[in-house]
Amino acid sequence: MMSDDSGVSVNNLRVAFHRLREYSIEACLATIIDGDDILKVSTEHLRDLSFQVGSVYQFIGELLIQPDNEVVLQARVGRNVDGIDLNLYHQSLLLLRQFQANHLNNPETI
């Protein structure tokens, strides 16, 4: 984790698939949700992406932790991924995590 000159903590390269709950053009701020999880996404660097509430998006960027502990993803790349099966995506993540836990902790299985 790094800090920039404003005291904001930065974690690099986070990816998220979430449904758009609301979007402010004026503030360049999207709010995305996945179940009970909510994340604010700064979209100021995304010029060619249109936003539609209810659509599913993927973002890559830096996770900024503000001095007041508010977390905002500063998106560098974003795309609409409507049509993705989020249940299948979550199932594949669980399988990947299980595989990694089983194989990365046991060098003999690699």
PDB file of N, CA and C in Angstrom:
ATOM      1  N   MET A   1       0.852  -1.166   0.000  1.00  0.00           N
ATOM      2  CA  MET A   1       0.000   0.000   0.000  1.00  0.00           C
ATOM      3  C   MET A   1       0.899   1.231   0.000  1.00  0.00           C
ATOM      4  N   MET A   2       0.513   2.240  -0.744  1.00  0.00           N
ATOM      5  CA  MET A   2       1.256   3.488  -0.845  1.00  0.00           C
ATOM      6  C   MET A   2       0.356   4.624  -0.408  1.00  0.00           C
ATOM      7  N   SER A   3       0.973   5.789  -0.158  1.00  0.00           N
ATOM      8  CA  SER A   3       0.196   7.004   0.094  1.00  0.00           C
ATOM      9  C   SER A   3       0.631   8.051  -0.902  1.00  0.00           C
ATOM     10  N   ASP A   4      -0.326   8.847  -1.369  1.00  0.00           N
ATOM     11  CA  ASP A   4       0.039   9.956  -2.240  1.00  0.00           C
ATOM     12  C   ASP A   4       0.207  11.206  -1.385  1.00  0.00           C
ATOM     13  N   ASP A   5       0.465  12.355  -2.024  1.00  0.00           N
ATOM     14  CA  ASP A   5       0.741  13.591  -1.302  1.00  0.00           C
ATOM     15  C   ASP A   5      -0.433  14.082  -0.467  1.00  0.00           C
ATOM     16  N   SER A   6      -1.642  13.663  -0.765  1.00  0.00           N
ATOM     17  CA  SER A   6      -2.812  14.122  -0.015  1.00  0.00           C
ATOM     18  C   SER A   6      -3.090  13.247   1.200  1.00  0.00           C
ATOM     19  N   GLY A   7      -2.256  12.242   1.431  1.00  0.00           N
ATOM     20  CA  GLY A   7      -2.473  11.350   2.551  1.00  0.00           C
ATOM     21  C   GLY A   7      -3.436  10.225   2.244  1.00  0.00           C
ATOM     22  N   VAL A   8      -3.822  10.097   0.983  1.00  0.00           N
ATOM     23  CA  VAL A   8      -4.757   9.055   0.578  1.00  0.00           C
ATOM     24  C   VAL A   8      -3.983   7.765   0.348  1.00  0.00           C
ATOM     25  N   SER A   9      -4.435   6.675   0.946  1.00  0.00           N
ATOM     26  CA  SER A   9      -3.805   5.378   0.732  1.00  0.00           C
ATOM     27  C   SER A   9      -4.249   4.820  -0.608  1.00  0.00           C
ATOM     28  N   VAL A  10      -3.316   4.149  -1.299  1.00  0.00           N
ATOM     29  CA  VAL A  10      -3.596   3.638  -2.637  1.00  0.00           C
ATOM     30  C   VAL A  10      -3.241   2.157  -2.706  1.00  0.00           C
ATOM     31  N   ASN A  11      -4.166   1.337  -3.153  1.00  0.00           N
ATOM     32  CA  ASN A  11      -3.918  -0.057  -3.490  1.00  0.00           C
ATOM     33  C   ASN A  11      -4.143  -0.177  -4.986  1.00  0.00           C
ATOM     34  N   ASN A  12      -3.186  -0.722  -5.701  1.00  0.00           N
ATOM     35  CA  ASN A  12      -3.250  -0.737  -7.159  1.00  0.00           C
ATOM     36  C   ASN A  12      -4.015  -1.928  -7.718  1.00  0.00           C
ATOM     37  N   LEU A  13      -4.623  -1.667  -8.882  1.00  0.00           N
ATOM     38  CA  LEU A  13      -5.228  -2.669  -9.750  1.00  0.00           C
ATOM     39  C   LEU A  13      -6.266  -3.560  -9.078  1.00  0.00           C
ATOM     40  N   ARG A  14      -7.422  -3.013  -8.949  1.00  0.00           N
ATOM     41  CA  ARG A  14      -8.562  -3.769  -8.434  1.00  0.00           C
ATOM     42  C   ARG A  14      -9.566  -3.960  -9.561  1.00  0.00           C
ATOM     43  N   VAL A  15     -10.196  -5.102  -9.587  1.00  0.00           N
ATOM     44  CA  VAL A  15     -11.175  -5.414 -10.623  1.00  0.00           C
ATOM     45  C   VAL A  15     -12.509  -5.709  -9.953  1.00  0.00           C
ATOM     46  N   ALA A  16     -13.583  -5.233 -10.542  1.00  0.00           N
ATOM     47  CA  ALA A  16     -14.904  -5.476  -9.957  1.00  0.00           C
ATOM     48  C   ALA A  16     -15.940  -5.712 -11.051  1.00  0.00           C
ATOM     49  N   PHE A  17     -16.793  -6.689 -10.845  1.00  0.00           N
ATOM     50  CA  PHE A  17     -17.992  -6.882 -11.662  1.00  0.00           C
ATOM     51  C   PHE A  17     -19.172  -6.569 -10.761  1.00  0.00           C
ATOM     52  N   HIS A  18     -19.864  -5.514 -11.030  1.00  0.00           N
ATOM     53  CA  HIS A  18     -20.992  -5.142 -10.180  1.00  0.00           C
ATOM     54  C   HIS A  18     -22.074  -4.454 -11.000  1.00  0.00           C
ATOM     55  N   ARG A  19     -23.252  -4.413 -10.426  1.00  0.00           N
ATOM     56  CA  ARG A  19     -24.403  -3.768 -11.055  1.00  0.00           C
ATOM     57  C   ARG A  19     -24.431  -2.298 -10.648  1.00  0.00           C
ATOM     58  N   LEU A  20     -24.692  -1.418 -11.616  1.00  0.00           N
ATOM     59  CA  LEU A  20     -24.728   0.018 -11.360  1.00  0.00           C
ATOM     60  C   LEU A  20     -26.020   0.378 -10.632  1.00  0.00           C
ATOM     61  N   ARG A  21     -25.877   0.975  -9.450  1.00  0.00           N
ATOM     62  CA  ARG A  21     -27.043   1.396  -8.670  1.00  0.00           C
ATOM     63  C   ARG A  21     -27.408   2.837  -8.963  1.00  0.00           C
ATOM     64  N   GLU A  22     -26.385   3.713  -9.068  1.00  0.00           N
ATOM     65  CA  GLU A  22     -26.641   5.114  -9.409  1.00  0.00           C
ATOM     66  C   GLU A  22     -25.390   5.719 -10.025  1.00  0.00           C
ATOM     67  N   TYR A  23     -25.583   6.801 -10.764  1.00  0.00           N
ATOM     68  CA  TYR A  23     -24.465   7.466 -11.422  1.00  0.00           C
ATOM     69  C   TYR A  23     -24.705   8.964 -11.448  1.00  0.00           C
ATOM     70  N   SER A  24     -23.671   9.731 -11.083  1.00  0.00           N
ATOM     71  CA  SER A  24     -23.722  11.188 -11.128  1.00  0.00           C
ATOM     72  C   SER A  24     -22.763  11.674 -12.204  1.00  0.00           C
ATOM     73  N   ILE A  25     -23.322  12.250 -13.270  1.00  0.00           N
ATOM     74  CA  ILE A  25     -22.490  12.794 -14.346  1.00  0.00           C
ATOM     75  C   ILE A  25     -21.652  13.949 -13.820  1.00  0.00           C
ATOM     76  N   GLU A  26     -22.266  14.823 -13.020  1.00  0.00           N
ATOM     77  CA  GLU A  26     -21.572  16.007 -12.505  1.00  0.00           C
ATOM     78  C   GLU A  26     -20.374  15.633 -11.637  1.00  0.00           C
ATOM     79  N   ALA A  27     -20.541  14.638 -10.776  1.00  0.00           N
ATOM     80  CA  ALA A  27     -19.470  14.239  -9.860  1.00  0.00           C
ATOM     81  C   ALA A  27     -18.567  13.161 -10.448  1.00  0.00           C
ATOM     82  N   CYS A  28     -18.919  12.627 -11.631  1.00  0.00           N
ATOM     83  CA  CYS A  28     -18.186  11.500 -12.232  1.00  0.00           C
ATOM     84  C   CYS A  28     -18.036  10.372 -11.214  1.00  0.00           C
ATOM     85  N   LEU A  29     -19.154  10.013 -10.595  1.00  0.00           N
ATOM     86  CA  LEU A  29     -19.127   9.021  -9.532  1.00  0.00           C
ATOM     87  C   LEU A  29     -20.245   7.998  -9.733  1.00  0.00           C
ATOM     88  N   ALA A  30     -19.839   6.746  -9.826  1.00  0.00           N
ATOM     89  CA  ALA A  30     -20.787   5.643  -9.950  1.00  0.00           C
ATOM     90  C   ALA A  30     -20.846   4.905  -8.624  1.00  0.00           C
ATOM     91  N   THR A  31     -22.002   4.391  -8.300  1.00  0.00           N
ATOM     92  CA  THR A  31     -22.151   3.522  -7.137  1.00  0.00           C
ATOM     93  C   THR A  31     -22.564   2.161  -7.659  1.00  0.00           C
ATOM     94  N   ILE A  32     -21.727   1.147  -7.363  1.00  0.00           N
ATOM     95  CA  ILE A  32     -21.993  -0.200  -7.844  1.00  0.00           C
ATOM     96  C   ILE A  32     -22.272  -1.108  -6.653  1.00  0.00           C
ATOM     97  N   ILE A  33     -23.091  -2.140  -6.897  1.00  0.00           N
ATOM     98  CA  ILE A  33     -23.472  -3.050  -5.824  1.00  0.00           C
ATOM     99  C   ILE A  33     -23.311  -4.494  -6.271  1.00  0.00           C
ATOM    100  N   ASP A  34     -23.068  -5.340  -5.287  1.00  0.00           N
ATOM    101  CA  ASP A  34     -23.046  -6.787  -5.485  1.00  0.00           C
ATOM    102  C   ASP A  34     -23.515  -7.395  -4.171  1.00  0.00           C
ATOM    103  N   GLY A  35     -24.760  -7.801  -4.123  1.00  0.00           N
ATOM    104  CA  GLY A  35     -25.329  -8.278  -2.866  1.00  0.00           C
ATOM    105  C   GLY A  35     -25.393  -7.127  -1.878  1.00  0.00           C
ATOM    106  N   ASP A  36     -24.759  -7.312  -0.726  1.00  0.00           N
ATOM    107  CA  ASP A  36     -24.719  -6.262   0.292  1.00  0.00           C
ATOM    108  C   ASP A  36     -23.509  -5.343   0.141  1.00  0.00           C
ATOM    109  N   ASP A  37     -22.612  -5.659  -0.785  1.00  0.00           N
ATOM    110  CA  ASP A  37     -21.401  -4.860  -0.980  1.00  0.00           C
ATOM    111  C   ASP A  37     -21.692  -3.664  -1.876  1.00  0.00           C
ATOM    112  N   ILE A  38     -21.212  -2.493  -1.458  1.00  0.00           N
ATOM    113  CA  ILE A  38     -21.388  -1.251  -2.212  1.00  0.00           C
ATOM    114  C   ILE A  38     -20.013  -0.620  -2.384  1.00  0.00           C
ATOM    115  N   LEU A  39     -19.729  -0.122  -3.587  1.00  0.00           N
ATOM    116  CA  LEU A  39     -18.452   0.530  -3.861  1.00  0.00           C
ATOM    117  C   LEU A  39     -18.689   1.757  -4.719  1.00  0.00           C
ATOM    118  N   LYS A  40     -18.021   2.848  -4.356  1.00  0.00           N
ATOM    119  CA  LYS A  40     -18.060   4.053  -5.185  1.00  0.00           C
ATOM    120  C   LYS A  40     -16.907   3.988  -6.169  1.00  0.00           C
ATOM    121  N   VAL A  41     -17.181   4.402  -7.406  1.00  0.00           N
ATOM    122  CA  VAL A  41     -16.184   4.360  -8.471  1.00  0.00           C
ATOM    123  C   VAL A  41     -16.086   5.740  -9.094  1.00  0.00           C
ATOM    124  N   SER A  42     -14.883   6.315  -9.062  1.00  0.00           N
ATOM    125  CA  SER A  42     -14.641   7.579  -9.753  1.00  0.00           C
ATOM    126  C   SER A  42     -14.432   7.271 -11.229  1.00  0.00           C
ATOM    127  N   THR A  43     -15.230   7.927 -12.076  1.00  0.00           N
ATOM    128  CA  THR A  43     -15.189   7.647 -13.518  1.00  0.00           C
ATOM    129  C   THR A  43     -14.615   8.809 -14.318  1.00  0.00           C
ATOM    130  N   GLU A  44     -13.896   9.710 -13.660  1.00  0.00           N
ATOM    131  CA  GLU A  44     -13.420  10.913 -14.343  1.00  0.00           C
ATOM    132  C   GLU A  44     -12.485  10.617 -15.510  1.00  0.00           C
ATOM    133  N   HIS A  45     -11.816   9.465 -15.516  1.00  0.00           N
ATOM    134  CA  HIS A  45     -10.891   9.122 -16.606  1.00  0.00           C
ATOM    135  C   HIS A  45     -11.540   8.265 -17.692  1.00  0.00           C
ATOM    136  N   LEU A  46     -12.829   7.971 -17.548  1.00  0.00           N
ATOM    137  CA  LEU A  46     -13.533   7.134 -18.521  1.00  0.00           C
ATOM    138  C   LEU A  46     -14.390   8.020 -19.404  1.00  0.00           C
ATOM    139  N   ARG A  47     -13.913   8.335 -20.581  1.00  0.00           N
ATOM    140  CA  ARG A  47     -14.601   9.272 -21.469  1.00  0.00           C
ATOM    141  C   ARG A  47     -15.599   8.604 -22.406  1.00  0.00           C
ATOM    142  N   ASP A  48     -15.320   7.397 -22.856  1.00  0.00           N
ATOM    143  CA  ASP A  48     -16.134   6.771 -23.901  1.00  0.00           C
ATOM    144  C   ASP A  48     -17.083   5.696 -23.372  1.00  0.00           C
ATOM    145  N   LEU A  49     -17.391   5.750 -22.095  1.00  0.00           N
ATOM    146  CA  LEU A  49     -18.265   4.745 -21.505  1.00  0.00           C
ATOM    147  C   LEU A  49     -19.562   5.399 -21.063  1.00  0.00           C
ATOM    148  N   SER A  50     -20.676   4.874 -21.552  1.00  0.00           N
ATOM    149  CA  SER A  50     -21.974   5.399 -21.111  1.00  0.00           C
ATOM    150  C   SER A  50     -22.497   4.502 -19.996  1.00  0.00           C
ATOM    151  N   PHE A  51     -23.226   5.109 -19.076  1.00  0.00           N
ATOM    152  CA  PHE A  51     -23.689   4.391 -17.895  1.00  0.00           C
ATOM    153  C   PHE A  51     -25.199   4.285 -17.888  1.00  0.00           C
ATOM    154  N   GLN A  52     -25.681   3.105 -17.516  1.00  0.00           N
ATOM    155  CA  GLN A  52     -27.113   2.856 -17.410  1.00  0.00           C
ATOM    156  C   GLN A  52     -27.362   2.107 -16.103  1.00  0.00           C
ATOM    157  N   VAL A  53     -28.190   2.699 -15.251  1.00  0.00           N
ATOM    158  CA  VAL A  53     -28.522   2.070 -13.977  1.00  0.00           C
ATOM    159  C   VAL A  53     -29.099   0.682 -14.239  1.00  0.00           C
ATOM    160  N   GLY A  54     -28.616  -0.297 -13.483  1.00  0.00           N
ATOM    161  CA  GLY A  54     -29.062  -1.680 -13.638  1.00  0.00           C
ATOM    162  C   GLY A  54     -28.142  -2.517 -14.491  1.00  0.00           C
ATOM    163  N   SER A  55     -27.270  -1.881 -15.278  1.00  0.00           N
ATOM    164  CA  SER A  55     -26.321  -2.621 -16.104  1.00  0.00           C
ATOM    165  C   SER A  55     -25.151  -3.100 -15.247  1.00  0.00           C
ATOM    166  N   VAL A  56     -24.411  -4.084 -15.770  1.00  0.00           N
ATOM    167  CA  VAL A  56     -23.268  -4.659 -15.068  1.00  0.00           C
ATOM    168  C   VAL A  56     -21.992  -4.124 -15.706  1.00  0.00           C
ATOM    169  N   TYR A  57     -21.033  -3.723 -14.854  1.00  0.00           N
ATOM    170  CA  TYR A  57     -19.784  -3.130 -15.327  1.00  0.00           C
ATOM    171  C   TYR A  57     -18.589  -3.804 -14.681  1.00  0.00           C
ATOM    172  N   GLN A  58     -17.465  -3.741 -15.391  1.00  0.00           N
ATOM    173  CA  GLN A  58     -16.175  -4.178 -14.878  1.00  0.00           C
ATOM    174  C   GLN A  58     -15.277  -2.961 -14.869  1.00  0.00           C
ATOM    175  N   PHE A  59     -14.562  -2.754 -13.765  1.00  0.00           N
ATOM    176  CA  PHE A  59     -13.639  -1.631 -13.651  1.00  0.00           C
ATOM    177  C   PHE A  59     -12.283  -2.127 -13.190  1.00  0.00           C
ATOM    178  N   ILE A  60     -11.234  -1.497 -13.709  1.00  0.00           N
ATOM    179  CA  ILE A  60      -9.870  -1.744 -13.264  1.00  0.00           C
ATOM    180  C   ILE A  60      -9.267  -0.395 -12.927  1.00  0.00           C
ATOM    181  N   GLY A  61      -8.591  -0.318 -11.794  1.00  0.00           N
ATOM    182  CA  GLY A  61      -7.993   0.946 -11.386  1.00  0.00           C
ATOM    183  C   GLY A  61      -7.323   0.830 -10.040  1.00  0.00           C
ATOM    184  N   GLU A  62      -7.262   1.945  -9.343  1.00  0.00           N
ATOM    185  CA  GLU A  62      -6.624   1.989  -8.036  1.00  0.00           C
ATOM    186  C   GLU A  62      -7.683   2.180  -6.960  1.00  0.00           C
ATOM    187  N   LEU A  63      -7.551   1.417  -5.900  1.00  0.00           N
ATOM    188  CA  LEU A  63      -8.456   1.538  -4.771  1.00  0.00           C
ATOM    189  C   LEU A  63      -7.891   2.591  -3.828  1.00  0.00           C
ATOM    190  N   LEU A  64      -8.600   3.708  -3.703  1.00  0.00           N
ATOM    191  CA  LEU A  64      -8.145   4.818  -2.869  1.00  0.00           C
ATOM    192  C   LEU A  64      -8.883   4.787  -1.538  1.00  0.00           C
ATOM    193  N   ILE A  65      -8.129   4.872  -0.458  1.00  0.00           N
ATOM    194  CA  ILE A  65      -8.720   4.950   0.872  1.00  0.00           C
ATOM    195  C   ILE A  65      -8.513   6.372   1.360  1.00  0.00           C
ATOM    196  N   GLN A  66      -9.602   7.120   1.434  1.00  0.00           N
ATOM    197  CA  GLN A  66      -9.570   8.531   1.804  1.00  0.00           C
ATOM    198  C   GLN A  66      -9.216   8.675   3.288  1.00  0.00           C
ATOM    199  N   PRO A  67      -8.759   9.867   3.709  1.00  0.00           N
ATOM    200  CA  PRO A  67      -8.437  10.088   5.126  1.00  0.00           C
ATOM    201  C   PRO A  67      -9.616   9.794   6.063  1.00  0.00           C
ATOM    202  N   ASP A  68     -10.844   9.942   5.578  1.00  0.00           N
ATOM    203  CA  ASP A  68     -12.018   9.635   6.409  1.00  0.00           C
ATOM    204  C   ASP A  68     -12.422   8.160   6.300  1.00  0.00           C
ATOM    205  N   ASN A  69     -11.517   7.332   5.730  1.00  0.00           N
ATOM    206  CA  ASN A  69     -11.702   5.889   5.540  1.00  0.00           C
ATOM    207  C   ASN A  69     -12.755   5.526   4.500  1.00  0.00           C
ATOM    208  N   GLU A  70     -13.220   6.497   3.704  1.00  0.00           N
ATOM    209  CA  GLU A  70     -14.106   6.173   2.591  1.00  0.00           C
ATOM    210  C   GLU A  70     -13.259   5.551   1.480  1.00  0.00           C
ATOM    211  N   VAL A  71     -13.770   4.496   0.877  1.00  0.00           N
ATOM    212  CA  VAL A  71     -13.049   3.783  -0.180  1.00  0.00           C
ATOM    213  C   VAL A  71     -13.677   4.131  -1.525  1.00  0.00           C
ATOM    214  N   VAL A  72     -12.818   4.523  -2.494  1.00  0.00           N
ATOM    215  CA  VAL A  72     -13.269   4.855  -3.846  1.00  0.00           C
ATOM    216  C   VAL A  72     -12.332   4.176  -4.836  1.00  0.00           C
ATOM    217  N   LEU A  73     -12.897   3.502  -5.820  1.00  0.00           N
ATOM    218  CA  LEU A  73     -12.092   2.934  -6.894  1.00  0.00           C
ATOM    219  C   LEU A  73     -11.897   4.004  -7.956  1.00  0.00           C
ATOM    220  N   GLN A  74     -10.646   4.402  -8.203  1.00  0.00           N
ATOM    221  CA  GLN A  74     -10.318   5.365  -9.255  1.00  0.00           C
ATOM    222  C   GLN A  74     -10.150   4.557 -10.537  1.00  0.00           C
ATOM    223  N   ALA A  75     -11.210   4.484 -11.333  1.00  0.00           N
ATOM    224  CA  ALA A  75     -11.215   3.615 -12.511  1.00  0.00           C
ATOM    225  C   ALA A  75     -10.320   4.172 -13.613  1.00  0.00           C
ATOM    226  N   ARG A  76      -9.484   3.320 -14.170  1.00  0.00           N
ATOM    227  CA  ARG A  76      -8.661   3.645 -15.340  1.00  0.00           C
ATOM    228  C   ARG A  76      -9.261   3.029 -16.595  1.00  0.00           C
ATOM    229  N   VAL A  77      -9.923   1.883 -16.406  1.00  0.00           N
ATOM    230  CA  VAL A  77     -10.556   1.162 -17.500  1.00  0.00           C
ATOM    231  C   VAL A  77     -11.925   0.709 -17.009  1.00  0.00           C
ATOM    232  N   GLY A  78     -12.906   0.786 -17.874  1.00  0.00           N
ATOM    233  CA  GLY A  78     -14.237   0.305 -17.523  1.00  0.00           C
ATOM    234  C   GLY A  78     -14.944  -0.191 -18.764  1.00  0.00           C
ATOM    235  N   ARG A  79     -15.813  -1.165 -18.573  1.00  0.00           N
ATOM    236  CA  ARG A  79     -16.599  -1.651 -19.701  1.00  0.00           C
ATOM    237  C   ARG A  79     -17.913  -2.223 -19.195  1.00  0.00           C
ATOM    238  N   ASN A  80     -18.902  -2.164 -20.054  1.00  0.00           N
ATOM    239  CA  ASN A  80     -20.202  -2.748 -19.776  1.00  0.00           C
ATOM    240  C   ASN A  80     -20.112  -4.238 -20.078  1.00  0.00           C
ATOM    241  N   VAL A  81     -20.536  -5.058 -19.135  1.00  0.00           N
ATOM    242  CA  VAL A  81     -20.491  -6.509 -19.328  1.00  0.00           C
ATOM    243  C   VAL A  81     -21.882  -7.117 -19.134  1.00  0.00           C
ATOM    244  N   ASP A  82     -22.914  -6.377 -19.585  1.00  0.00           N
ATOM    245  CA  ASP A  82     -24.268  -6.928 -19.543  1.00  0.00           C
ATOM    246  C   ASP A  82     -24.266  -8.278 -20.245  1.00  0.00           C
ATOM    247  N   GLY A  83     -24.994  -9.201 -19.705  1.00  0.00           N
ATOM    248  CA  GLY A  83     -25.058 -10.534 -20.287  1.00  0.00           C
ATOM    249  C   GLY A  83     -24.199 -11.537 -19.551  1.00  0.00           C
ATOM    250  N   ILE A  84     -23.244 -11.064 -18.750  1.00  0.00           N
ATOM    251  CA  ILE A  84     -22.429 -11.989 -17.978  1.00  0.00           C
ATOM    252  C   ILE A  84     -23.318 -12.657 -16.928  1.00  0.00           C
ATOM    253  N   ASP A  85     -23.117 -13.936 -16.737  1.00  0.00           N
ATOM    254  CA  ASP A  85     -23.863 -14.682 -15.725  1.00  0.00           C
ATOM    255  C   ASP A  85     -23.127 -14.505 -14.398  1.00  0.00           C
ATOM    256  N   LEU A  86     -23.628 -13.602 -13.547  1.00  0.00           N
ATOM    257  CA  LEU A  86     -22.943 -13.299 -12.292  1.00  0.00           C
ATOM    258  C   LEU A  86     -22.908 -14.497 -11.348  1.00  0.00           C
ATOM    259  N   ASN A  87     -23.927 -15.347 -11.376  1.00  0.00           N
ATOM    260  CA  ASN A  87     -23.896 -16.552 -10.536  1.00  0.00           C
ATOM    261  C   ASN A  87     -22.771 -17.482 -10.967  1.00  0.00           C
ATOM    262  N   LEU A  88     -22.623 -17.678 -12.261  1.00  0.00           N
ATOM    263  CA  LEU A  88     -21.543 -18.515 -12.777  1.00  0.00           C
ATOM    264  C   LEU A  88     -20.186 -17.887 -12.475  1.00  0.00           C
ATOM    265  N   TYR A  89     -20.089 -16.573 -12.593  1.00  0.00           N
ATOM    266  CA  TYR A  89     -18.853 -15.858 -12.268  1.00  0.00           C
ATOM    267  C   TYR A  89     -18.470 -16.099 -10.806  1.00  0.00           C
ATOM    268  N   HIS A  90     -19.431 -15.960  -9.885  1.00  0.00           N
ATOM    269  CA  HIS A  90     -19.152 -16.169  -8.462  1.00  0.00           C
ATOM    270  C   HIS A  90     -18.782 -17.625  -8.178  1.00  0.00           C
ATOM    271  N   GLN A  91     -19.427 -18.571  -8.858  1.00  0.00           N
ATOM    272  CA  GLN A  91     -19.074 -19.981  -8.693  1.00  0.00           C
ATOM    273  C   GLN A  91     -17.644 -20.241  -9.152  1.00  0.00           C
ATOM    274  N   SER A  92     -17.252 -19.628 -10.268  1.00  0.00           N
ATOM    275  CA  SER A  92     -15.888 -19.826 -10.773  1.00  0.00           C
ATOM    276  C   SER A  92     -14.863 -19.211  -9.829  1.00  0.00           C
ATOM    277  N   LEU A  93     -15.209 -18.080  -9.196  1.00  0.00           N
ATOM    278  CA  LEU A  93     -14.303 -17.495  -8.207  1.00  0.00           C
ATOM    279  C   LEU A  93     -14.103 -18.426  -7.017  1.00  0.00           C
ATOM    280  N   LEU A  94     -15.184 -19.033  -6.548  1.00  0.00           N
ATOM    281  CA  LEU A  94     -15.073 -19.973  -5.431  1.00  0.00           C
ATOM    282  C   LEU A  94     -14.186 -21.154  -5.793  1.00  0.00           C
ATOM    283  N   LEU A  95     -14.361 -21.688  -6.993  1.00  0.00           N
ATOM    284  CA  LEU A  95     -13.527 -22.803  -7.441  1.00  0.00           C
ATOM    285  C   LEU A  95     -12.066 -22.396  -7.565  1.00  0.00           C
ATOM    286  N   LEU A  96     -11.817 -21.200  -8.088  1.00  0.00           N
ATOM    287  CA  LEU A  96     -10.446 -20.712  -8.207  1.00  0.00           C
ATOM    288  C   LEU A  96      -9.801 -20.574  -6.834  1.00  0.00           C
ATOM    289  N   ARG A  97     -10.532 -20.006  -5.889  1.00  0.00           N
ATOM    290  CA  ARG A  97      -9.993 -19.837  -4.529  1.00  0.00           C
ATOM    291  C   ARG A  97      -9.722 -21.187  -3.868  1.00  0.00           C
ATOM    292  N   GLN A  98     -10.604 -22.161  -4.081  1.00  0.00           N
ATOM    293  CA  GLN A  98     -10.381 -23.499  -3.538  1.00  0.00           C
ATOM    294  C   GLN A  98      -9.135 -24.129  -4.149  1.00  0.00           C
ATOM    295  N   PHE A  99      -8.997 -24.002  -5.460  1.00  0.00           N
ATOM    296  CA  PHE A  99      -7.828 -24.540  -6.148  1.00  0.00           C
ATOM    297  C   PHE A  99      -6.551 -23.904  -5.620  1.00  0.00           C
ATOM    298  N   GLN A 100      -6.550 -22.580  -5.501  1.00  0.00           N
ATOM    299  CA  GLN A 100      -5.367 -21.884  -5.010  1.00  0.00           C
ATOM    300  C   GLN A 100      -5.038 -22.292  -3.578  1.00  0.00           C
ATOM    301  N   ALA A 101      -6.045 -22.400  -2.732  1.00  0.00           N
ATOM    302  CA  ALA A 101      -5.811 -22.794  -1.343  1.00  0.00           C
ATOM    303  C   ALA A 101      -5.219 -24.197  -1.274  1.00  0.00           C
ATOM    304  N   ASN A 102      -5.703 -25.101  -2.112  1.00  0.00           N
ATOM    305  CA  ASN A 102      -5.219 -26.480  -2.097  1.00  0.00           C
ATOM    306  C   ASN A 102      -3.844 -26.634  -2.717  1.00  0.00           C
ATOM    307  N   HIS A 103      -3.557 -25.872  -3.765  1.00  0.00           N
ATOM    308  CA  HIS A 103      -2.325 -26.080  -4.509  1.00  0.00           C
ATOM    309  C   HIS A 103      -1.202 -25.127  -4.134  1.00  0.00           C
ATOM    310  N   LEU A 104      -1.514 -23.931  -3.759  1.00  0.00           N
ATOM    311  CA  LEU A 104      -0.452 -22.989  -3.409  1.00  0.00           C
ATOM    312  C   LEU A 104       0.109 -23.269  -2.023  1.00  0.00           C
ATOM    313  N   ASN A 105      -0.671 -23.894  -1.165  1.00  0.00           N
ATOM    314  CA  ASN A 105      -0.197 -24.234   0.177  1.00  0.00           C
ATOM    315  C   ASN A 105       0.502 -25.582   0.214  1.00  0.00           C
ATOM    316  N   ASN A 106       0.432 -26.343  -0.873  1.00  0.00           N
ATOM    317  CA  ASN A 106       1.050 -27.657  -0.948  1.00  0.00           C
ATOM    318  C   ASN A 106       1.905 -27.728  -2.209  1.00  0.00           C
ATOM    319  N   PRO A 107       3.215 -27.430  -2.090  1.00  0.00           N
ATOM    320  CA  PRO A 107       4.092 -27.387  -3.274  1.00  0.00           C
ATOM    321  C   PRO A 107       4.161 -28.705  -4.041  1.00  0.00           C
ATOM    322  N   GLU A 108       3.848 -29.832  -3.410  1.00  0.00           N
ATOM    323  CA  GLU A 108       3.913 -31.124  -4.092  1.00  0.00           C
ATOM    324  C   GLU A 108       2.829 -31.273  -5.154  1.00  0.00           C
ATOM    325  N   THR A 109       1.779 -30.469  -5.089  1.00  0.00           N
ATOM    326  CA  THR A 109       0.687 -30.590  -6.057  1.00  0.00           C
ATOM    327  C   THR A 109       0.885 -29.715  -7.280  1.00  0.00           C
ATOM    328  N   ILE A 110       1.925 -28.930  -7.297  1.00  0.00           N
ATOM    329  CA  ILE A 110       2.167 -28.037  -8.445  1.00  0.00           C
ATOM    330  C   ILE A 110       2.948 -28.758  -9.508  1.00  0.00           C
TER     331      ILE A 110
END
